[in-house]
Amino acid sequence: MLRRLLLAVGLFSTASVAFGAGLAFQRLALHDYEDGPQIQPGYEYLPGETVWFSARIAGYSRQVQDAESQLDHVRLTWQIRPADASGTLIIPPLRGVIDETLRPEDKDWVPKFLASFQVPPYAPRGVYKIPVLVRDEVSSAELSGQIEFRVRSEDDPAADAPFGVRNFRFLAKEDDRFALRPPVFHQGAGLFARFEIIGYKLEGNNHFSVEYGLSILGPPTPEGESKPLFTQESAAADAGESFYPQRWILGGFGLNLDKDVPLGQHILVLTLRDKISGAAIELREPFEVRE
């Protein structure tokens, strides 16, 4: 009976554990490149840029793996959930494991993990957050923390913004940054325009689909009628899907004005359609043609 009791007790024996002083982050940091220098205070990321993140952890516990050889086992799991200013995840959560066997000479070893991700191409401006969760699988202790970073970009459209266009601007050259004011073009020259489409409907997987056409109306006749000089019913279309919702679409076009195009006031008519919701709008923007 005594022997059976001893065997039963032996089944419930546990390995020796050296508990840490208290799980804590030694450092959370953002870097210029992988494991490079830390970014400067006030740095602003741009859409499409890579964020390099690192974490150092202190106060972890060790489990004796081999007492005779003085080997200890350390196992930590981690997760980060980068999110925008509204709390929407910008990528799926990133997870990893730190699993190491330590020798006596590793007494100063510090667990560390690196992670990188890309700021979405259409990420809006704001203060973004990287919540971090670490679990010590030896002691079952958990640790959470957070680091922030700024993104310099366009403003996010309001959640209830109707289907439409924002920031329409005529340009003197295709790659100009600033609008042409007043919008005056010359016979035989190029006409360029840029705008952003907002308020379209998103389906599963943040799928969107829009299209637009354009027409140019000439100067009014004596009767006040403006006749089309050029029409392209389907000038462009855009569709896609992504993990992070794309809240605006860049649109634009370029046209070559004939040398004999009438002088005077013209109207650009832009017709847009959301192929998912069926919504459609028409935008009219005046411009002038001179010699």
C-alpha atoms as a PDB file:
ATOM      1  CA  MET A   1       0.000   0.000   0.000  1.00  0.00           C
ATOM      2  CA  LEU A   2       2.831   2.383   0.912  1.00  0.00           C
ATOM      3  CA  ARG A   3       4.592   1.660  -2.367  1.00  0.00           C
ATOM      4  CA  ARG A   4       1.421   2.389  -4.346  1.00  0.00           C
ATOM      5  CA  LEU A   5       0.972   5.662  -2.491  1.00  0.00           C
ATOM      6  CA  LEU A   6       4.521   6.723  -3.271  1.00  0.00           C
ATOM      7  CA  LEU A   7       4.007   5.928  -6.944  1.00  0.00           C
ATOM      8  CA  ALA A   8       0.844   7.996  -7.018  1.00  0.00           C
ATOM      9  CA  VAL A   9       2.608  10.955  -5.435  1.00  0.00           C
ATOM     10  CA  GLY A  10       5.419  10.634  -7.951  1.00  0.00           C
ATOM     11  CA  LEU A  11       2.978  11.097 -10.815  1.00  0.00           C
ATOM     12  CA  PHE A  12       2.166  14.612  -9.556  1.00  0.00           C
ATOM     13  CA  SER A  13       5.720  15.828  -8.946  1.00  0.00           C
ATOM     14  CA  THR A  14       6.681  19.074 -10.759  1.00  0.00           C
ATOM     15  CA  ALA A  15       9.868  20.380 -12.319  1.00  0.00           C
ATOM     16  CA  SER A  16      11.907  22.968 -10.427  1.00  0.00           C
ATOM     17  CA  VAL A  17      11.175  26.543 -11.420  1.00  0.00           C
ATOM     18  CA  ALA A  18      13.170  29.700 -10.718  1.00  0.00           C
ATOM     19  CA  PHE A  19      10.604  32.486 -10.753  1.00  0.00           C
ATOM     20  CA  GLY A  20      11.612  35.911 -12.031  1.00  0.00           C
ATOM     21  CA  ALA A  21      11.410  39.097 -10.016  1.00  0.00           C
ATOM     22  CA  GLY A  22       8.383  40.187 -12.051  1.00  0.00           C
ATOM     23  CA  LEU A  23       7.706  40.121 -15.776  1.00  0.00           C
ATOM     24  CA  ALA A  24       8.353  43.581 -17.265  1.00  0.00           C
ATOM     25  CA  PHE A  25       9.320  45.313 -20.483  1.00  0.00           C
ATOM     26  CA  GLN A  26      12.900  46.471 -20.428  1.00  0.00           C
ATOM     27  CA  ARG A  27      12.252  48.420 -23.623  1.00  0.00           C
ATOM     28  CA  LEU A  28       9.701  48.874 -26.409  1.00  0.00           C
ATOM     29  CA  ALA A  29      11.187  50.658 -29.419  1.00  0.00           C
ATOM     30  CA  LEU A  30      10.758  51.610 -33.087  1.00  0.00           C
ATOM     31  CA  HIS A  31      13.768  51.604 -35.415  1.00  0.00           C
ATOM     32  CA  ASP A  32      14.934  53.131 -38.685  1.00  0.00           C
ATOM     33  CA  TYR A  33      15.522  49.619 -40.035  1.00  0.00           C
ATOM     34  CA  GLU A  34      15.766  46.082 -38.662  1.00  0.00           C
ATOM     35  CA  ASP A  35      17.552  46.264 -35.300  1.00  0.00           C
ATOM     36  CA  GLY A  36      18.925  49.677 -36.318  1.00  0.00           C
ATOM     37  CA  PRO A  37      18.961  52.968 -34.393  1.00  0.00           C
ATOM     38  CA  GLN A  38      15.721  54.111 -32.811  1.00  0.00           C
ATOM     39  CA  ILE A  39      13.593  56.601 -34.739  1.00  0.00           C
ATOM     40  CA  GLN A  40      13.838  60.241 -33.757  1.00  0.00           C
ATOM     41  CA  PRO A  41      11.137  61.802 -31.524  1.00  0.00           C
ATOM     42  CA  GLY A  42       8.345  63.314 -33.612  1.00  0.00           C
ATOM     43  CA  TYR A  43       9.033  61.102 -36.623  1.00  0.00           C
ATOM     44  CA  GLU A  44       6.006  60.602 -38.899  1.00  0.00           C
ATOM     45  CA  TYR A  45       5.591  57.515 -41.048  1.00  0.00           C
ATOM     46  CA  LEU A  46       4.168  57.701 -44.555  1.00  0.00           C
ATOM     47  CA  PRO A  47       1.640  55.281 -46.073  1.00  0.00           C
ATOM     48  CA  GLY A  48       3.472  52.264 -47.457  1.00  0.00           C
ATOM     49  CA  GLU A  49       6.470  52.707 -45.138  1.00  0.00           C
ATOM     50  CA  THR A  50       7.787  49.789 -43.053  1.00  0.00           C
ATOM     51  CA  VAL A  51       7.604  49.972 -39.256  1.00  0.00           C
ATOM     52  CA  TRP A  52      10.420  48.118 -37.440  1.00  0.00           C
ATOM     53  CA  PHE A  53       9.515  47.209 -33.850  1.00  0.00           C
ATOM     54  CA  SER A  54      11.442  45.531 -31.033  1.00  0.00           C
ATOM     55  CA  ALA A  55      10.784  44.510 -27.430  1.00  0.00           C
ATOM     56  CA  ARG A  56      13.142  43.497 -24.601  1.00  0.00           C
ATOM     57  CA  ILE A  57      11.731  41.570 -21.636  1.00  0.00           C
ATOM     58  CA  ALA A  58      12.964  41.272 -18.036  1.00  0.00           C
ATOM     59  CA  GLY A  59      11.814  39.321 -14.992  1.00  0.00           C
ATOM     60  CA  TYR A  60      11.118  36.059 -16.840  1.00  0.00           C
ATOM     61  CA  SER A  61      11.136  32.643 -15.124  1.00  0.00           C
ATOM     62  CA  ARG A  62      13.364  29.629 -15.786  1.00  0.00           C
ATOM     63  CA  GLN A  63      12.480  25.974 -15.612  1.00  0.00           C
ATOM     64  CA  VAL A  64      15.283  23.584 -14.722  1.00  0.00           C
ATOM     65  CA  GLN A  65      15.762  21.393 -17.747  1.00  0.00           C
ATOM     66  CA  ASP A  66      18.842  19.467 -16.664  1.00  0.00           C
ATOM     67  CA  ALA A  67      20.077  20.064 -13.116  1.00  0.00           C
ATOM     68  CA  GLU A  68      23.305  18.132 -13.625  1.00  0.00           C
ATOM     69  CA  SER A  69      24.267  20.118 -16.737  1.00  0.00           C
ATOM     70  CA  GLN A  70      22.803  23.325 -15.248  1.00  0.00           C
ATOM     71  CA  LEU A  71      20.506  23.872 -18.184  1.00  0.00           C
ATOM     72  CA  ASP A  72      17.356  26.026 -17.837  1.00  0.00           C
ATOM     73  CA  HIS A  73      14.422  26.363 -20.191  1.00  0.00           C
ATOM     74  CA  VAL A  74      12.749  29.694 -21.030  1.00  0.00           C
ATOM     75  CA  ARG A  75       9.594  29.978 -23.100  1.00  0.00           C
ATOM     76  CA  LEU A  76       7.757  33.234 -23.827  1.00  0.00           C
ATOM     77  CA  THR A  77       4.982  33.852 -26.342  1.00  0.00           C
ATOM     78  CA  TRP A  78       4.170  37.294 -27.731  1.00  0.00           C
ATOM     79  CA  GLN A  79       1.591  39.084 -29.832  1.00  0.00           C
ATOM     80  CA  ILE A  80       1.270  42.584 -31.305  1.00  0.00           C
ATOM     81  CA  ARG A  81      -1.903  44.134 -32.756  1.00  0.00           C
ATOM     82  CA  PRO A  82      -1.063  47.353 -34.687  1.00  0.00           C
ATOM     83  CA  ALA A  83      -4.130  49.601 -35.000  1.00  0.00           C
ATOM     84  CA  ASP A  84      -5.028  53.034 -36.369  1.00  0.00           C
ATOM     85  CA  ALA A  85      -6.319  55.990 -34.350  1.00  0.00           C
ATOM     86  CA  SER A  86      -9.859  54.556 -34.335  1.00  0.00           C
ATOM     87  CA  GLY A  87      -8.680  51.172 -33.047  1.00  0.00           C
ATOM     88  CA  THR A  88      -9.063  49.352 -36.382  1.00  0.00           C
ATOM     89  CA  LEU A  89      -6.355  46.739 -36.948  1.00  0.00           C
ATOM     90  CA  ILE A  90      -4.119  47.668 -39.869  1.00  0.00           C
ATOM     91  CA  ILE A  91      -2.712  44.134 -40.272  1.00  0.00           C
ATOM     92  CA  PRO A  92      -3.605  40.723 -38.827  1.00  0.00           C
ATOM     93  CA  PRO A  93      -2.077  40.184 -35.355  1.00  0.00           C
ATOM     94  CA  LEU A  94       1.571  39.130 -35.392  1.00  0.00           C
ATOM     95  CA  ARG A  95       2.602  36.320 -33.025  1.00  0.00           C
ATOM     96  CA  GLY A  96       5.808  34.578 -32.068  1.00  0.00           C
ATOM     97  CA  VAL A  97       7.640  32.399 -29.543  1.00  0.00           C
ATOM     98  CA  ILE A  98      10.912  32.830 -27.677  1.00  0.00           C
ATOM     99  CA  ASP A  99      12.081  29.346 -26.733  1.00  0.00           C
ATOM    100  CA  GLU A 100      15.630  29.061 -25.379  1.00  0.00           C
ATOM    101  CA  THR A 101      17.841  26.727 -23.345  1.00  0.00           C
ATOM    102  CA  LEU A 102      20.164  28.714 -21.079  1.00  0.00           C
ATOM    103  CA  ARG A 103      23.546  27.788 -19.624  1.00  0.00           C
ATOM    104  CA  PRO A 104      25.203  29.330 -16.550  1.00  0.00           C
ATOM    105  CA  GLU A 105      27.113  31.763 -18.757  1.00  0.00           C
ATOM    106  CA  ASP A 106      23.774  33.112 -20.065  1.00  0.00           C
ATOM    107  CA  LYS A 107      22.900  34.761 -16.734  1.00  0.00           C
ATOM    108  CA  ASP A 108      22.739  38.209 -18.388  1.00  0.00           C
ATOM    109  CA  TRP A 109      20.696  37.041 -21.390  1.00  0.00           C
ATOM    110  CA  VAL A 110      17.691  39.254 -22.205  1.00  0.00           C
ATOM    111  CA  PRO A 111      14.757  37.908 -24.254  1.00  0.00           C
ATOM    112  CA  LYS A 112      14.073  40.048 -27.300  1.00  0.00           C
ATOM    113  CA  PHE A 113      11.837  39.868 -30.329  1.00  0.00           C
ATOM    114  CA  LEU A 114      11.617  41.866 -33.551  1.00  0.00           C
ATOM    115  CA  ALA A 115       8.622  42.448 -35.810  1.00  0.00           C
ATOM    116  CA  SER A 116       7.978  44.543 -38.889  1.00  0.00           C
ATOM    117  CA  PHE A 117       4.890  45.535 -40.855  1.00  0.00           C
ATOM    118  CA  GLN A 118       3.866  48.013 -43.532  1.00  0.00           C
ATOM    119  CA  VAL A 119       1.687  51.049 -42.984  1.00  0.00           C
ATOM    120  CA  PRO A 120      -1.284  50.517 -45.358  1.00  0.00           C
ATOM    121  CA  PRO A 121      -1.016  52.522 -48.606  1.00  0.00           C
ATOM    122  CA  TYR A 122      -4.256  54.353 -47.781  1.00  0.00           C
ATOM    123  CA  ALA A 123      -3.750  54.775 -44.047  1.00  0.00           C
ATOM    124  CA  PRO A 124      -5.185  58.095 -42.788  1.00  0.00           C
ATOM    125  CA  ARG A 125      -3.234  60.549 -40.656  1.00  0.00           C
ATOM    126  CA  GLY A 126      -3.244  60.073 -36.891  1.00  0.00           C
ATOM    127  CA  VAL A 127      -1.613  58.482 -33.880  1.00  0.00           C
ATOM    128  CA  TYR A 128      -1.382  54.707 -34.287  1.00  0.00           C
ATOM    129  CA  LYS A 129      -0.839  52.189 -31.498  1.00  0.00           C
ATOM    130  CA  ILE A 130       0.984  48.876 -31.156  1.00  0.00           C
ATOM    131  CA  PRO A 131      -0.462  46.956 -28.175  1.00  0.00           C
ATOM    132  CA  VAL A 132       1.935  44.222 -27.024  1.00  0.00           C
ATOM    133  CA  LEU A 133       1.054  41.095 -25.033  1.00  0.00           C
ATOM    134  CA  VAL A 134       3.686  38.713 -23.627  1.00  0.00           C
ATOM    135  CA  ARG A 135       3.041  35.485 -21.707  1.00  0.00           C
ATOM    136  CA  ASP A 136       5.656  33.635 -19.655  1.00  0.00           C
ATOM    137  CA  GLU A 137       4.746  30.003 -20.318  1.00  0.00           C
ATOM    138  CA  VAL A 138       6.873  28.840 -17.367  1.00  0.00           C
ATOM    139  CA  SER A 139       5.225  30.991 -14.669  1.00  0.00           C
ATOM    140  CA  SER A 140       1.950  31.712 -16.556  1.00  0.00           C
ATOM    141  CA  ALA A 141       2.531  35.421 -15.908  1.00  0.00           C
ATOM    142  CA  GLU A 142       1.270  37.878 -18.536  1.00  0.00           C
ATOM    143  CA  LEU A 143       2.481  41.350 -19.459  1.00  0.00           C
ATOM    144  CA  SER A 144       0.898  44.021 -21.652  1.00  0.00           C
ATOM    145  CA  GLY A 145       2.232  47.310 -22.951  1.00  0.00           C
ATOM    146  CA  GLN A 146       1.882  49.743 -25.827  1.00  0.00           C
ATOM    147  CA  ILE A 147       3.915  52.027 -28.046  1.00  0.00           C
ATOM    148  CA  GLU A 148       2.592  54.726 -30.398  1.00  0.00           C
ATOM    149  CA  PHE A 149       3.659  56.132 -33.756  1.00  0.00           C
ATOM    150  CA  ARG A 150       2.381  58.900 -36.021  1.00  0.00           C
ATOM    151  CA  VAL A 151       1.307  58.661 -39.650  1.00  0.00           C
ATOM    152  CA  ARG A 152       1.326  61.688 -41.977  1.00  0.00           C
ATOM    153  CA  SER A 153      -1.308  61.301 -44.666  1.00  0.00           C
ATOM    154  CA  GLU A 154      -4.763  62.415 -45.786  1.00  0.00           C
ATOM    155  CA  ASP A 155      -7.638  62.738 -43.340  1.00  0.00           C
ATOM    156  CA  ASP A 156      -9.932  59.741 -43.029  1.00  0.00           C
ATOM    157  CA  PRO A 157     -13.385  60.451 -44.530  1.00  0.00           C
ATOM    158  CA  ALA A 158     -16.226  60.497 -42.038  1.00  0.00           C
ATOM    159  CA  ALA A 159     -17.799  57.070 -41.509  1.00  0.00           C
ATOM    160  CA  ASP A 160     -21.145  58.390 -42.783  1.00  0.00           C
ATOM    161  CA  ALA A 161     -19.719  60.379 -45.715  1.00  0.00           C
ATOM    162  CA  PRO A 162     -21.980  60.087 -48.794  1.00  0.00           C
ATOM    163  CA  PHE A 163     -20.648  58.726 -52.058  1.00  0.00           C
ATOM    164  CA  GLY A 164     -18.809  61.553 -53.788  1.00  0.00           C
ATOM    165  CA  VAL A 165     -15.577  63.363 -54.550  1.00  0.00           C
ATOM    166  CA  ARG A 166     -13.233  65.401 -52.374  1.00  0.00           C
ATOM    167  CA  ASN A 167     -10.153  67.485 -53.116  1.00  0.00           C
ATOM    168  CA  PHE A 168     -10.894  67.929 -56.817  1.00  0.00           C
ATOM    169  CA  ARG A 169      -8.208  70.072 -58.434  1.00  0.00           C
ATOM    170  CA  PHE A 170      -7.111  71.019 -61.925  1.00  0.00           C
ATOM    171  CA  LEU A 171      -3.350  70.783 -62.500  1.00  0.00           C
ATOM    172  CA  ALA A 172      -1.034  72.559 -64.908  1.00  0.00           C
ATOM    173  CA  LYS A 173       1.200  69.466 -65.107  1.00  0.00           C
ATOM    174  CA  GLU A 174       0.473  65.816 -64.419  1.00  0.00           C
ATOM    175  CA  ASP A 175       2.800  65.589 -61.415  1.00  0.00           C
ATOM    176  CA  ASP A 176       1.990  68.986 -59.845  1.00  0.00           C
ATOM    177  CA  ARG A 177       1.206  68.936 -56.131  1.00  0.00           C
ATOM    178  CA  PHE A 178      -0.856  72.108 -56.004  1.00  0.00           C
ATOM    179  CA  ALA A 179      -4.063  73.057 -57.772  1.00  0.00           C
ATOM    180  CA  LEU A 180      -4.064  75.405 -60.757  1.00  0.00           C
ATOM    181  CA  ARG A 181      -5.900  78.557 -59.655  1.00  0.00           C
ATOM    182  CA  PRO A 182      -7.637  79.946 -61.535  1.00  0.00           C
ATOM    183  CA  PRO A 183      -8.059  76.865 -63.782  1.00  0.00           C
ATOM    184  CA  VAL A 184      -6.932  78.362 -67.089  1.00  0.00           C
ATOM    185  CA  PHE A 185      -5.601  76.195 -69.940  1.00  0.00           C
ATOM    186  CA  HIS A 186      -4.385  77.045 -73.421  1.00  0.00           C
ATOM    187  CA  GLN A 187      -5.236  75.752 -76.866  1.00  0.00           C
ATOM    188  CA  GLY A 188      -3.006  72.800 -77.789  1.00  0.00           C
ATOM    189  CA  ALA A 189      -1.877  72.244 -74.176  1.00  0.00           C
ATOM    190  CA  GLY A 190      -2.576  69.481 -71.694  1.00  0.00           C
ATOM    191  CA  LEU A 191      -5.375  69.485 -69.128  1.00  0.00           C
ATOM    192  CA  PHE A 192      -4.906  67.445 -65.956  1.00  0.00           C
ATOM    193  CA  ALA A 193      -7.086  66.791 -62.929  1.00  0.00           C
ATOM    194  CA  ARG A 194      -6.871  64.785 -59.692  1.00  0.00           C
ATOM    195  CA  PHE A 195      -9.483  63.907 -57.081  1.00  0.00           C
ATOM    196  CA  GLU A 196     -10.393  61.379 -54.416  1.00  0.00           C
ATOM    197  CA  ILE A 197     -13.494  59.174 -54.413  1.00  0.00           C
ATOM    198  CA  ILE A 198     -15.054  58.596 -50.982  1.00  0.00           C
ATOM    199  CA  GLY A 199     -18.208  57.180 -49.410  1.00  0.00           C
ATOM    200  CA  TYR A 200     -18.410  54.007 -51.537  1.00  0.00           C
ATOM    201  CA  LYS A 201     -19.691  50.771 -50.043  1.00  0.00           C
ATOM    202  CA  LEU A 202     -17.394  47.991 -48.812  1.00  0.00           C
ATOM    203  CA  GLU A 203     -18.356  44.330 -49.014  1.00  0.00           C
ATOM    204  CA  GLY A 204     -16.719  41.275 -47.425  1.00  0.00           C
ATOM    205  CA  ASN A 205     -12.914  41.461 -47.234  1.00  0.00           C
ATOM    206  CA  ASN A 206     -13.347  45.244 -47.668  1.00  0.00           C
ATOM    207  CA  HIS A 207     -14.050  44.766 -51.367  1.00  0.00           C
ATOM    208  CA  PHE A 208     -14.909  47.905 -53.387  1.00  0.00           C
ATOM    209  CA  SER A 209     -15.696  48.635 -57.021  1.00  0.00           C
ATOM    210  CA  VAL A 210     -16.196  52.053 -58.642  1.00  0.00           C
ATOM    211  CA  GLU A 211     -16.042  53.556 -62.106  1.00  0.00           C
ATOM    212  CA  TYR A 212     -16.242  57.011 -63.645  1.00  0.00           C
ATOM    213  CA  GLY A 213     -16.685  58.741 -66.971  1.00  0.00           C
ATOM    214  CA  LEU A 214     -16.139  62.304 -68.122  1.00  0.00           C
ATOM    215  CA  SER A 215     -17.367  64.854 -70.606  1.00  0.00           C
ATOM    216  CA  ILE A 216     -16.323  68.382 -71.565  1.00  0.00           C
ATOM    217  CA  LEU A 217     -18.982  70.929 -72.420  1.00  0.00           C
ATOM    218  CA  GLY A 218     -18.020  73.853 -74.638  1.00  0.00           C
ATOM    219  CA  PRO A 219     -18.823  77.543 -74.113  1.00  0.00           C
ATOM    220  CA  PRO A 220     -22.547  78.350 -74.038  1.00  0.00           C
ATOM    221  CA  THR A 221     -24.195  79.180 -77.347  1.00  0.00           C
ATOM    222  CA  PRO A 222     -26.216  82.398 -77.699  1.00  0.00           C
ATOM    223  CA  GLU A 223     -29.194  80.290 -76.666  1.00  0.00           C
ATOM    224  CA  GLY A 224     -27.371  79.317 -73.448  1.00  0.00           C
ATOM    225  CA  GLU A 225     -26.787  75.703 -74.447  1.00  0.00           C
ATOM    226  CA  SER A 226     -23.414  73.997 -73.802  1.00  0.00           C
ATOM    227  CA  LYS A 227     -22.702  71.175 -76.228  1.00  0.00           C
ATOM    228  CA  PRO A 228     -20.336  68.242 -75.459  1.00  0.00           C
ATOM    229  CA  LEU A 229     -16.952  68.577 -77.142  1.00  0.00           C
ATOM    230  CA  PHE A 230     -15.611  65.318 -75.753  1.00  0.00           C
ATOM    231  CA  THR A 231     -17.197  62.349 -73.953  1.00  0.00           C
ATOM    232  CA  GLN A 232     -15.760  59.158 -72.495  1.00  0.00           C
ATOM    233  CA  GLU A 233     -18.485  57.248 -70.693  1.00  0.00           C
ATOM    234  CA  SER A 234     -16.091  54.762 -69.083  1.00  0.00           C
ATOM    235  CA  ALA A 235     -12.874  56.651 -68.481  1.00  0.00           C
ATOM    236  CA  ALA A 236     -11.586  54.472 -65.623  1.00  0.00           C
ATOM    237  CA  ALA A 237     -12.583  51.822 -63.085  1.00  0.00           C
ATOM    238  CA  ASP A 238     -11.046  50.609 -59.864  1.00  0.00           C
ATOM    239  CA  ALA A 239     -11.759  47.583 -57.682  1.00  0.00           C
ATOM    240  CA  GLY A 240      -9.933  45.725 -54.953  1.00  0.00           C
ATOM    241  CA  GLU A 241      -9.973  44.320 -51.455  1.00  0.00           C
ATOM    242  CA  SER A 242      -7.627  44.343 -48.484  1.00  0.00           C
ATOM    243  CA  PHE A 243      -7.376  43.476 -44.794  1.00  0.00           C
ATOM    244  CA  TYR A 244      -7.389  47.160 -43.859  1.00  0.00           C
ATOM    245  CA  PRO A 245     -10.330  49.091 -45.360  1.00  0.00           C
ATOM    246  CA  GLN A 246      -9.406  51.536 -48.117  1.00  0.00           C
ATOM    247  CA  ARG A 247     -11.543  54.605 -47.425  1.00  0.00           C
ATOM    248  CA  TRP A 248     -10.639  56.651 -50.493  1.00  0.00           C
ATOM    249  CA  ILE A 249      -9.575  56.026 -54.077  1.00  0.00           C
ATOM    250  CA  LEU A 250      -7.262  58.275 -56.064  1.00  0.00           C
ATOM    251  CA  GLY A 251      -8.715  59.279 -59.402  1.00  0.00           C
ATOM    252  CA  GLY A 252      -7.465  61.466 -62.218  1.00  0.00           C
ATOM    253  CA  PHE A 253      -6.965  61.927 -65.932  1.00  0.00           C
ATOM    254  CA  GLY A 254      -5.125  63.926 -68.560  1.00  0.00           C
ATOM    255  CA  LEU A 255      -6.389  65.325 -71.868  1.00  0.00           C
ATOM    256  CA  ASN A 256      -4.756  67.111 -74.792  1.00  0.00           C
ATOM    257  CA  LEU A 257      -6.728  70.167 -75.889  1.00  0.00           C
ATOM    258  CA  ASP A 258      -6.932  70.664 -79.637  1.00  0.00           C
ATOM    259  CA  LYS A 259      -5.377  73.800 -81.091  1.00  0.00           C
ATOM    260  CA  ASP A 260      -8.777  74.806 -82.387  1.00  0.00           C
ATOM    261  CA  VAL A 261     -10.751  74.120 -79.197  1.00  0.00           C
ATOM    262  CA  PRO A 262     -13.141  77.064 -78.621  1.00  0.00           C
ATOM    263  CA  LEU A 263     -11.949  79.829 -76.340  1.00  0.00           C
ATOM    264  CA  GLY A 264     -13.908  80.736 -73.247  1.00  0.00           C
ATOM    265  CA  GLN A 265     -15.562  78.987 -70.315  1.00  0.00           C
ATOM    266  CA  HIS A 266     -15.944  75.209 -70.396  1.00  0.00           C
ATOM    267  CA  ILE A 267     -17.361  72.686 -67.928  1.00  0.00           C
ATOM    268  CA  LEU A 268     -15.861  69.337 -67.015  1.00  0.00           C
ATOM    269  CA  VAL A 269     -18.593  66.833 -66.127  1.00  0.00           C
ATOM    270  CA  LEU A 270     -17.426  63.899 -64.018  1.00  0.00           C
ATOM    271  CA  THR A 271     -19.876  61.011 -63.587  1.00  0.00           C
ATOM    272  CA  LEU A 272     -19.123  58.434 -60.889  1.00  0.00           C
ATOM    273  CA  ARG A 273     -20.825  55.160 -59.981  1.00  0.00           C
ATOM    274  CA  ASP A 274     -20.447  52.824 -57.016  1.00  0.00           C
ATOM    275  CA  LYS A 275     -20.917  49.393 -58.607  1.00  0.00           C
ATOM    276  CA  ILE A 276     -21.681  47.745 -55.248  1.00  0.00           C
ATOM    277  CA  SER A 277     -24.328  50.092 -53.833  1.00  0.00           C
ATOM    278  CA  GLY A 278     -25.521  51.419 -57.198  1.00  0.00           C
ATOM    279  CA  ALA A 279     -25.075  55.033 -56.070  1.00  0.00           C
ATOM    280  CA  ALA A 280     -24.166  57.564 -58.762  1.00  0.00           C
ATOM    281  CA  ILE A 281     -23.237  61.244 -58.743  1.00  0.00           C
ATOM    282  CA  GLU A 282     -22.316  63.961 -61.223  1.00  0.00           C
ATOM    283  CA  LEU A 283     -19.706  66.632 -60.527  1.00  0.00           C
ATOM    284  CA  ARG A 284     -19.341  69.788 -62.650  1.00  0.00           C
ATOM    285  CA  GLU A 285     -16.148  71.838 -62.562  1.00  0.00           C
ATOM    286  CA  PRO A 286     -15.666  74.981 -64.717  1.00  0.00           C
ATOM    287  CA  PHE A 287     -12.405  75.945 -66.417  1.00  0.00           C
ATOM    288  CA  GLU A 288     -11.303  78.449 -69.046  1.00  0.00           C
ATOM    289  CA  VAL A 289      -9.473  78.035 -72.348  1.00  0.00           C
ATOM    290  CA  ARG A 290      -7.308  80.853 -73.662  1.00  0.00           C
ATOM    291  CA  GLU A 291      -4.996  81.280 -76.644  1.00  0.00           C
END
